Amino acid sequence: GFVIGRLSDSGFYRRRDKKRVENSDWKGIRDAQEAFANSMERAVWIDTDDLNGEKNELHLIKPGGYETLGKRYVDAALKLVNGK
């Protein structure tokens, strides 16, 4: 099986003022990740939009963001292994 940590929504925010903007490239990658996982019986994607903090940083907020992502990976993988 596959577990994908989908790109966060940070690519939809301008760096200089953190204003939300359209980014078709970023959206395209996120859509492709979801489509891949949704097209396979033994694959899932994990939402990471809530892990990059109030400033919508590219990287996850340390250490909590990475710990939460790790737990989500484990939970998703266990569900795949156990057939849930």
PDB file of N, CA and C in Angstrom:
ATOM      1  N   GLY A   1       0.813  -1.189   0.000  1.00  0.00           N
ATOM      2  CA  GLY A   1       0.000   0.000   0.000  1.00  0.00           C
ATOM      3  C   GLY A   1       0.861   1.259   0.000  1.00  0.00           C
ATOM      4  N   PHE A   2       0.200   2.361  -0.206  1.00  0.00           N
ATOM      5  CA  PHE A   2       0.857   3.665  -0.232  1.00  0.00           C
ATOM      6  C   PHE A   2       0.168   4.623   0.729  1.00  0.00           C
ATOM      7  N   VAL A   3       0.966   5.389   1.449  1.00  0.00           N
ATOM      8  CA  VAL A   3       0.452   6.483   2.274  1.00  0.00           C
ATOM      9  C   VAL A   3       1.160   7.749   1.797  1.00  0.00           C
ATOM     10  N   ILE A   4       0.373   8.719   1.341  1.00  0.00           N
ATOM     11  CA  ILE A   4       0.927   9.963   0.812  1.00  0.00           C
ATOM     12  C   ILE A   4       0.596  11.108   1.759  1.00  0.00           C
ATOM     13  N   GLY A   5       1.607  11.837   2.181  1.00  0.00           N
ATOM     14  CA  GLY A   5       1.390  13.076   2.928  1.00  0.00           C
ATOM     15  C   GLY A   5       1.223  14.197   1.909  1.00  0.00           C
ATOM     16  N   ARG A   6      -0.023  14.572   1.634  1.00  0.00           N
ATOM     17  CA  ARG A   6      -0.288  15.573   0.598  1.00  0.00           C
ATOM     18  C   ARG A   6       0.388  16.899   0.929  1.00  0.00           C
ATOM     19  N   LEU A   7       0.893  17.574  -0.092  1.00  0.00           N
ATOM     20  CA  LEU A   7       1.471  18.903   0.106  1.00  0.00           C
ATOM     21  C   LEU A   7       0.512  19.771   0.901  1.00  0.00           C
ATOM     22  N   SER A   8       1.056  20.548   1.813  1.00  0.00           N
ATOM     23  CA  SER A   8       0.210  21.452   2.600  1.00  0.00           C
ATOM     24  C   SER A   8      -0.294  22.584   1.716  1.00  0.00           C
ATOM     25  N   ASP A   9      -1.099  23.429   2.287  1.00  0.00           N
ATOM     26  CA  ASP A   9      -1.647  24.568   1.544  1.00  0.00           C
ATOM     27  C   ASP A   9      -0.697  25.766   1.519  1.00  0.00           C
ATOM     28  N   SER A  10       0.533  25.608   1.962  1.00  0.00           N
ATOM     29  CA  SER A  10       1.462  26.744   2.024  1.00  0.00           C
ATOM     30  C   SER A  10       1.733  27.360   0.656  1.00  0.00           C
ATOM     31  N   GLY A  11       1.631  26.590  -0.400  1.00  0.00           N
ATOM     32  CA  GLY A  11       1.872  27.104  -1.739  1.00  0.00           C
ATOM     33  C   GLY A  11       0.801  28.055  -2.240  1.00  0.00           C
ATOM     34  N   PHE A  12      -0.269  28.182  -1.485  1.00  0.00           N
ATOM     35  CA  PHE A  12      -1.347  29.104  -1.846  1.00  0.00           C
ATOM     36  C   PHE A  12      -1.208  30.450  -1.142  1.00  0.00           C
ATOM     37  N   TYR A  13      -0.073  30.666  -0.475  1.00  0.00           N
ATOM     38  CA  TYR A  13       0.140  31.924   0.255  1.00  0.00           C
ATOM     39  C   TYR A  13       1.411  32.595  -0.243  1.00  0.00           C
ATOM     40  N   ARG A  14       1.325  33.891  -0.545  1.00  0.00           N
ATOM     41  CA  ARG A  14       2.506  34.649  -0.959  1.00  0.00           C
ATOM     42  C   ARG A  14       3.440  34.811   0.223  1.00  0.00           C
ATOM     43  N   ARG A  15       4.715  34.699  -0.020  1.00  0.00           N
ATOM     44  CA  ARG A  15       5.715  34.799   1.048  1.00  0.00           C
ATOM     45  C   ARG A  15       5.770  36.199   1.651  1.00  0.00           C
ATOM     46  N   ARG A  16       5.651  37.228   0.831  1.00  0.00           N
ATOM     47  CA  ARG A  16       5.865  38.591   1.339  1.00  0.00           C
ATOM     48  C   ARG A  16       4.751  39.081   2.247  1.00  0.00           C
ATOM     49  N   ASP A  17       3.514  38.695   1.987  1.00  0.00           N
ATOM     50  CA  ASP A  17       2.416  39.219   2.810  1.00  0.00           C
ATOM     51  C   ASP A  17       1.446  38.145   3.302  1.00  0.00           C
ATOM     52  N   LYS A  18       1.714  36.906   2.975  1.00  0.00           N
ATOM     53  CA  LYS A  18       0.914  35.756   3.410  1.00  0.00           C
ATOM     54  C   LYS A  18      -0.529  35.806   2.895  1.00  0.00           C
ATOM     55  N   LYS A  19      -0.756  36.584   1.849  1.00  0.00           N
ATOM     56  CA  LYS A  19      -2.084  36.649   1.245  1.00  0.00           C
ATOM     57  C   LYS A  19      -2.331  35.374   0.437  1.00  0.00           C
ATOM     58  N   ARG A  20      -3.537  34.830   0.554  1.00  0.00           N
ATOM     59  CA  ARG A  20      -3.883  33.621  -0.199  1.00  0.00           C
ATOM     60  C   ARG A  20      -4.064  33.976  -1.672  1.00  0.00           C
ATOM     61  N   VAL A  21      -3.420  33.188  -2.523  1.00  0.00           N
ATOM     62  CA  VAL A  21      -3.473  33.405  -3.966  1.00  0.00           C
ATOM     63  C   VAL A  21      -3.672  32.062  -4.675  1.00  0.00           C
ATOM     64  N   GLU A  22      -4.103  32.131  -5.916  1.00  0.00           N
ATOM     65  CA  GLU A  22      -4.217  30.919  -6.722  1.00  0.00           C
ATOM     66  C   GLU A  22      -2.820  30.476  -7.157  1.00  0.00           C
ATOM     67  N   ASN A  23      -2.598  29.188  -7.157  1.00  0.00           N
ATOM     68  CA  ASN A  23      -1.332  28.629  -7.612  1.00  0.00           C
ATOM     69  C   ASN A  23      -1.670  27.319  -8.313  1.00  0.00           C
ATOM     70  N   SER A  24      -1.847  27.378  -9.618  1.00  0.00           N
ATOM     71  CA  SER A  24      -2.308  26.203 -10.359  1.00  0.00           C
ATOM     72  C   SER A  24      -1.293  25.063 -10.323  1.00  0.00           C
ATOM     73  N   ASP A  25      -0.006  25.383 -10.262  1.00  0.00           N
ATOM     74  CA  ASP A  25       1.004  24.325 -10.177  1.00  0.00           C
ATOM     75  C   ASP A  25       0.886  23.571  -8.855  1.00  0.00           C
ATOM     76  N   TRP A  26       0.773  24.318  -7.766  1.00  0.00           N
ATOM     77  CA  TRP A  26       0.659  23.707  -6.437  1.00  0.00           C
ATOM     78  C   TRP A  26      -0.619  22.873  -6.357  1.00  0.00           C
ATOM     79  N   LYS A  27      -1.711  23.445  -6.846  1.00  0.00           N
ATOM     80  CA  LYS A  27      -2.995  22.740  -6.846  1.00  0.00           C
ATOM     81  C   LYS A  27      -2.913  21.470  -7.689  1.00  0.00           C
ATOM     82  N   GLY A  28      -2.226  21.556  -8.819  1.00  0.00           N
ATOM     83  CA  GLY A  28      -2.087  20.393  -9.690  1.00  0.00           C
ATOM     84  C   GLY A  28      -1.372  19.238  -9.017  1.00  0.00           C
ATOM     85  N   ILE A  29      -0.333  19.545  -8.265  1.00  0.00           N
ATOM     86  CA  ILE A  29       0.395  18.493  -7.547  1.00  0.00           C
ATOM     87  C   ILE A  29      -0.490  17.887  -6.468  1.00  0.00           C
ATOM     88  N   ARG A  30      -1.166  18.732  -5.713  1.00  0.00           N
ATOM     89  CA  ARG A  30      -2.062  18.229  -4.661  1.00  0.00           C
ATOM     90  C   ARG A  30      -3.168  17.361  -5.261  1.00  0.00           C
ATOM     91  N   ASP A  31      -3.748  17.827  -6.355  1.00  0.00           N
ATOM     92  CA  ASP A  31      -4.808  17.058  -7.015  1.00  0.00           C
ATOM     93  C   ASP A  31      -4.286  15.712  -7.504  1.00  0.00           C
ATOM     94  N   ALA A  32      -3.066  15.699  -8.049  1.00  0.00           N
ATOM     95  CA  ALA A  32      -2.467  14.450  -8.527  1.00  0.00           C
ATOM     96  C   ALA A  32      -2.223  13.483  -7.375  1.00  0.00           C
ATOM     97  N   GLN A  33      -1.772  14.001  -6.237  1.00  0.00           N
ATOM     98  CA  GLN A  33      -1.558  13.141  -5.072  1.00  0.00           C
ATOM     99  C   GLN A  33      -2.875  12.506  -4.627  1.00  0.00           C
ATOM    100  N   GLU A  34      -3.916  13.317  -4.551  1.00  0.00           N
ATOM    101  CA  GLU A  34      -5.225  12.799  -4.147  1.00  0.00           C
ATOM    102  C   GLU A  34      -5.753  11.789  -5.162  1.00  0.00           C
ATOM    103  N   ALA A  35      -5.661  12.129  -6.448  1.00  0.00           N
ATOM    104  CA  ALA A  35      -6.175  11.245  -7.498  1.00  0.00           C
ATOM    105  C   ALA A  35      -5.463   9.897  -7.478  1.00  0.00           C
ATOM    106  N   PHE A  36      -4.141   9.917  -7.300  1.00  0.00           N
ATOM    107  CA  PHE A  36      -3.388   8.668  -7.236  1.00  0.00           C
ATOM    108  C   PHE A  36      -3.879   7.811  -6.076  1.00  0.00           C
ATOM    109  N   ALA A  37      -3.941   8.403  -4.896  1.00  0.00           N
ATOM    110  CA  ALA A  37      -4.366   7.637  -3.718  1.00  0.00           C
ATOM    111  C   ALA A  37      -5.809   7.162  -3.855  1.00  0.00           C
ATOM    112  N   ASN A  38      -6.671   8.010  -4.375  1.00  0.00           N
ATOM    113  CA  ASN A  38      -8.083   7.646  -4.503  1.00  0.00           C
ATOM    114  C   ASN A  38      -8.327   6.598  -5.581  1.00  0.00           C
ATOM    115  N   SER A  39      -7.386   6.434  -6.507  1.00  0.00           N
ATOM    116  CA  SER A  39      -7.563   5.470  -7.594  1.00  0.00           C
ATOM    117  C   SER A  39      -7.107   4.067  -7.222  1.00  0.00           C
ATOM    118  N   MET A  40      -6.458   3.943  -6.096  1.00  0.00           N
ATOM    119  CA  MET A  40      -5.924   2.643  -5.689  1.00  0.00           C
ATOM    120  C   MET A  40      -6.639   2.142  -4.441  1.00  0.00           C
ATOM    121  N   GLU A  41      -6.877   0.861  -4.427  1.00  0.00           N
ATOM    122  CA  GLU A  41      -7.572   0.262  -3.290  1.00  0.00           C
ATOM    123  C   GLU A  41      -6.743   0.332  -2.012  1.00  0.00           C
ATOM    124  N   ARG A  42      -5.444   0.203  -2.138  1.00  0.00           N
ATOM    125  CA  ARG A  42      -4.577   0.149  -0.957  1.00  0.00           C
ATOM    126  C   ARG A  42      -3.696   1.387  -0.865  1.00  0.00           C
ATOM    127  N   ALA A  43      -4.306   2.549  -1.013  1.00  0.00           N
ATOM    128  CA  ALA A  43      -3.562   3.804  -0.894  1.00  0.00           C
ATOM    129  C   ALA A  43      -4.452   4.854  -0.251  1.00  0.00           C
ATOM    130  N   VAL A  44      -3.828   5.739   0.510  1.00  0.00           N
ATOM    131  CA  VAL A  44      -4.552   6.844   1.145  1.00  0.00           C
ATOM    132  C   VAL A  44      -3.663   8.083   1.119  1.00  0.00           C
ATOM    133  N   TRP A  45      -4.282   9.234   1.243  1.00  0.00           N
ATOM    134  CA  TRP A  45      -3.523  10.472   1.387  1.00  0.00           C
ATOM    135  C   TRP A  45      -3.868  11.090   2.730  1.00  0.00           C
ATOM    136  N   ILE A  46      -2.895  11.791   3.290  1.00  0.00           N
ATOM    137  CA  ILE A  46      -3.034  12.430   4.596  1.00  0.00           C
ATOM    138  C   ILE A  46      -3.054  13.939   4.397  1.00  0.00           C
ATOM    139  N   ASP A  47      -3.996  14.597   5.024  1.00  0.00           N
ATOM    140  CA  ASP A  47      -4.098  16.054   4.973  1.00  0.00           C
ATOM    141  C   ASP A  47      -3.031  16.661   5.883  1.00  0.00           C
ATOM    142  N   THR A  48      -2.301  17.644   5.379  1.00  0.00           N
ATOM    143  CA  THR A  48      -1.267  18.318   6.174  1.00  0.00           C
ATOM    144  C   THR A  48      -1.518  19.818   6.295  1.00  0.00           C
ATOM    145  N   ASP A  49      -2.674  20.280   5.834  1.00  0.00           N
ATOM    146  CA  ASP A  49      -2.954  21.721   5.807  1.00  0.00           C
ATOM    147  C   ASP A  49      -2.917  22.377   7.183  1.00  0.00           C
ATOM    148  N   ASP A  50      -3.158  21.616   8.218  1.00  0.00           N
ATOM    149  CA  ASP A  50      -3.189  22.188   9.566  1.00  0.00           C
ATOM    150  C   ASP A  50      -1.840  22.092  10.282  1.00  0.00           C
ATOM    151  N   LEU A  51      -0.799  21.653   9.597  1.00  0.00           N
ATOM    152  CA  LEU A  51       0.487  21.407  10.257  1.00  0.00           C
ATOM    153  C   LEU A  51       1.559  22.454   9.963  1.00  0.00           C
ATOM    154  N   ASN A  52       1.247  23.466   9.168  1.00  0.00           N
ATOM    155  CA  ASN A  52       2.274  24.439   8.795  1.00  0.00           C
ATOM    156  C   ASN A  52       2.140  25.774   9.516  1.00  0.00           C
ATOM    157  N   GLY A  53       1.341  25.831  10.539  1.00  0.00           N
ATOM    158  CA  GLY A  53       1.267  27.004  11.404  1.00  0.00           C
ATOM    159  C   GLY A  53       0.485  28.175  10.839  1.00  0.00           C
ATOM    160  N   GLU A  54       0.354  29.201  11.659  1.00  0.00           N
ATOM    161  CA  GLU A  54      -0.423  30.384  11.298  1.00  0.00           C
ATOM    162  C   GLU A  54       0.170  31.141  10.118  1.00  0.00           C
ATOM    163  N   LYS A  55       1.483  31.058   9.953  1.00  0.00           N
ATOM    164  CA  LYS A  55       2.148  31.778   8.859  1.00  0.00           C
ATOM    165  C   LYS A  55       2.163  30.972   7.565  1.00  0.00           C
ATOM    166  N   ASN A  56       1.580  29.768   7.599  1.00  0.00           N
ATOM    167  CA  ASN A  56       1.526  28.903   6.419  1.00  0.00           C
ATOM    168  C   ASN A  56       2.899  28.676   5.805  1.00  0.00           C
ATOM    169  N   GLU A  57       3.837  28.314   6.661  1.00  0.00           N
ATOM    170  CA  GLU A  57       5.204  28.046   6.228  1.00  0.00           C
ATOM    171  C   GLU A  57       5.246  26.824   5.314  1.00  0.00           C
ATOM    172  N   LEU A  58       6.278  26.752   4.490  1.00  0.00           N
ATOM    173  CA  LEU A  58       6.457  25.598   3.617  1.00  0.00           C
ATOM    174  C   LEU A  58       6.699  24.337   4.438  1.00  0.00           C
ATOM    175  N   HIS A  59       7.528  24.467   5.467  1.00  0.00           N
ATOM    176  CA  HIS A  59       7.843  23.313   6.301  1.00  0.00           C
ATOM    177  C   HIS A  59       6.893  23.268   7.490  1.00  0.00           C
ATOM    178  N   LEU A  60       6.726  22.090   8.019  1.00  0.00           N
ATOM    179  CA  LEU A  60       5.809  21.910   9.139  1.00  0.00           C
ATOM    180  C   LEU A  60       6.387  22.528  10.398  1.00  0.00           C
ATOM    181  N   ILE A  61       5.517  22.949  11.288  1.00  0.00           N
ATOM    182  CA  ILE A  61       5.947  23.556  12.542  1.00  0.00           C
ATOM    183  C   ILE A  61       6.602  22.483  13.410  1.00  0.00           C
ATOM    184  N   LYS A  62       7.809  22.774  13.885  1.00  0.00           N
ATOM    185  CA  LYS A  62       8.571  21.806  14.688  1.00  0.00           C
ATOM    186  C   LYS A  62       8.252  21.981  16.155  1.00  0.00           C
ATOM    187  N   PRO A  63       8.353  20.974  16.973  1.00  0.00           N
ATOM    188  CA  PRO A  63       8.373  19.573  16.575  1.00  0.00           C
ATOM    189  C   PRO A  63       6.963  19.014  16.367  1.00  0.00           C
ATOM    190  N   GLY A  64       5.967  19.737  16.822  1.00  0.00           N
ATOM    191  CA  GLY A  64       4.603  19.211  16.817  1.00  0.00           C
ATOM    192  C   GLY A  64       4.073  18.814  15.459  1.00  0.00           C
ATOM    193  N   GLY A  65       4.364  19.608  14.430  1.00  0.00           N
ATOM    194  CA  GLY A  65       3.855  19.292  13.097  1.00  0.00           C
ATOM    195  C   GLY A  65       4.387  17.974  12.571  1.00  0.00           C
ATOM    196  N   TYR A  66       5.676  17.749  12.783  1.00  0.00           N
ATOM    197  CA  TYR A  66       6.281  16.510  12.307  1.00  0.00           C
ATOM    198  C   TYR A  66       5.808  15.314  13.128  1.00  0.00           C
ATOM    199  N   GLU A  67       5.632  15.506  14.412  1.00  0.00           N
ATOM    200  CA  GLU A  67       5.125  14.420  15.256  1.00  0.00           C
ATOM    201  C   GLU A  67       3.708  14.042  14.846  1.00  0.00           C
ATOM    202  N   THR A  68       2.877  15.045  14.612  1.00  0.00           N
ATOM    203  CA  THR A  68       1.501  14.786  14.198  1.00  0.00           C
ATOM    204  C   THR A  68       1.477  14.085  12.845  1.00  0.00           C
ATOM    205  N   LEU A  69       2.311  14.539  11.913  1.00  0.00           N
ATOM    206  CA  LEU A  69       2.374  13.892  10.603  1.00  0.00           C
ATOM    207  C   LEU A  69       2.793  12.430  10.753  1.00  0.00           C
ATOM    208  N   GLY A  70       3.788  12.177  11.585  1.00  0.00           N
ATOM    209  CA  GLY A  70       4.229  10.803  11.816  1.00  0.00           C
ATOM    210  C   GLY A  70       3.122   9.930  12.366  1.00  0.00           C
ATOM    211  N   LYS A  71       2.363  10.458  13.309  1.00  0.00           N
ATOM    212  CA  LYS A  71       1.240   9.697  13.874  1.00  0.00           C
ATOM    213  C   LYS A  71       0.184   9.422  12.814  1.00  0.00           C
ATOM    214  N   ARG A  72      -0.061  10.402  11.958  1.00  0.00           N
ATOM    215  CA  ARG A  72      -1.042  10.199  10.884  1.00  0.00           C
ATOM    216  C   ARG A  72      -0.574   9.119   9.914  1.00  0.00           C
ATOM    217  N   TYR A  73       0.728   9.120   9.600  1.00  0.00           N
ATOM    218  CA  TYR A  73       1.270   8.066   8.743  1.00  0.00           C
ATOM    219  C   TYR A  73       1.064   6.692   9.379  1.00  0.00           C
ATOM    220  N   VAL A  74       1.402   6.580  10.644  1.00  0.00           N
ATOM    221  CA  VAL A  74       1.259   5.298  11.339  1.00  0.00           C
ATOM    222  C   VAL A  74      -0.199   4.858  11.359  1.00  0.00           C
ATOM    223  N   ASP A  75      -1.098   5.756  11.734  1.00  0.00           N
ATOM    224  CA  ASP A  75      -2.525   5.410  11.779  1.00  0.00           C
ATOM    225  C   ASP A  75      -3.024   4.948  10.410  1.00  0.00           C
ATOM    226  N   ALA A  76      -2.652   5.681   9.366  1.00  0.00           N
ATOM    227  CA  ALA A  76      -3.099   5.324   8.017  1.00  0.00           C
ATOM    228  C   ALA A  76      -2.507   3.988   7.571  1.00  0.00           C
ATOM    229  N   ALA A  77      -1.225   3.772   7.860  1.00  0.00           N
ATOM    230  CA  ALA A  77      -0.579   2.518   7.471  1.00  0.00           C
ATOM    231  C   ALA A  77      -1.198   1.334   8.198  1.00  0.00           C
ATOM    232  N   LEU A  78      -1.489   1.504   9.477  1.00  0.00           N
ATOM    233  CA  LEU A  78      -2.116   0.417  10.229  1.00  0.00           C
ATOM    234  C   LEU A  78      -3.492   0.077   9.677  1.00  0.00           C
ATOM    235  N   LYS A  79      -4.242   1.087   9.284  1.00  0.00           N
ATOM    236  CA  LYS A  79      -5.560   0.826   8.688  1.00  0.00           C
ATOM    237  C   LYS A  79      -5.416   0.052   7.382  1.00  0.00           C
ATOM    238  N   LEU A  80      -4.408   0.400   6.581  1.00  0.00           N
ATOM    239  CA  LEU A  80      -4.186  -0.336   5.338  1.00  0.00           C
ATOM    240  C   LEU A  80      -3.795  -1.782   5.618  1.00  0.00           C
ATOM    241  N   VAL A  81      -2.883  -1.973   6.554  1.00  0.00           N
ATOM    242  CA  VAL A  81      -2.408  -3.317   6.888  1.00  0.00           C
ATOM    243  C   VAL A  81      -3.536  -4.170   7.457  1.00  0.00           C
ATOM    244  N   ASN A  82      -4.362  -3.555   8.288  1.00  0.00           N
ATOM    245  CA  ASN A  82      -5.452  -4.289   8.932  1.00  0.00           C
ATOM    246  C   ASN A  82      -6.720  -4.347   8.085  1.00  0.00           C
ATOM    247  N   GLY A  83      -6.673  -3.775   6.891  1.00  0.00           N
ATOM    248  CA  GLY A  83      -7.810  -3.851   5.981  1.00  0.00           C
ATOM    249  C   GLY A  83      -9.010  -3.028   6.375  1.00  0.00           C
ATOM    250  N   LYS A  84      -8.791  -1.907   7.051  1.00  0.00           N
ATOM    251  CA  LYS A  84      -9.914  -1.064   7.484  1.00  0.00           C
ATOM    252  C   LYS A  84     -10.063   0.137   6.597  1.00  0.00           C
TER     253      LYS A  84
END
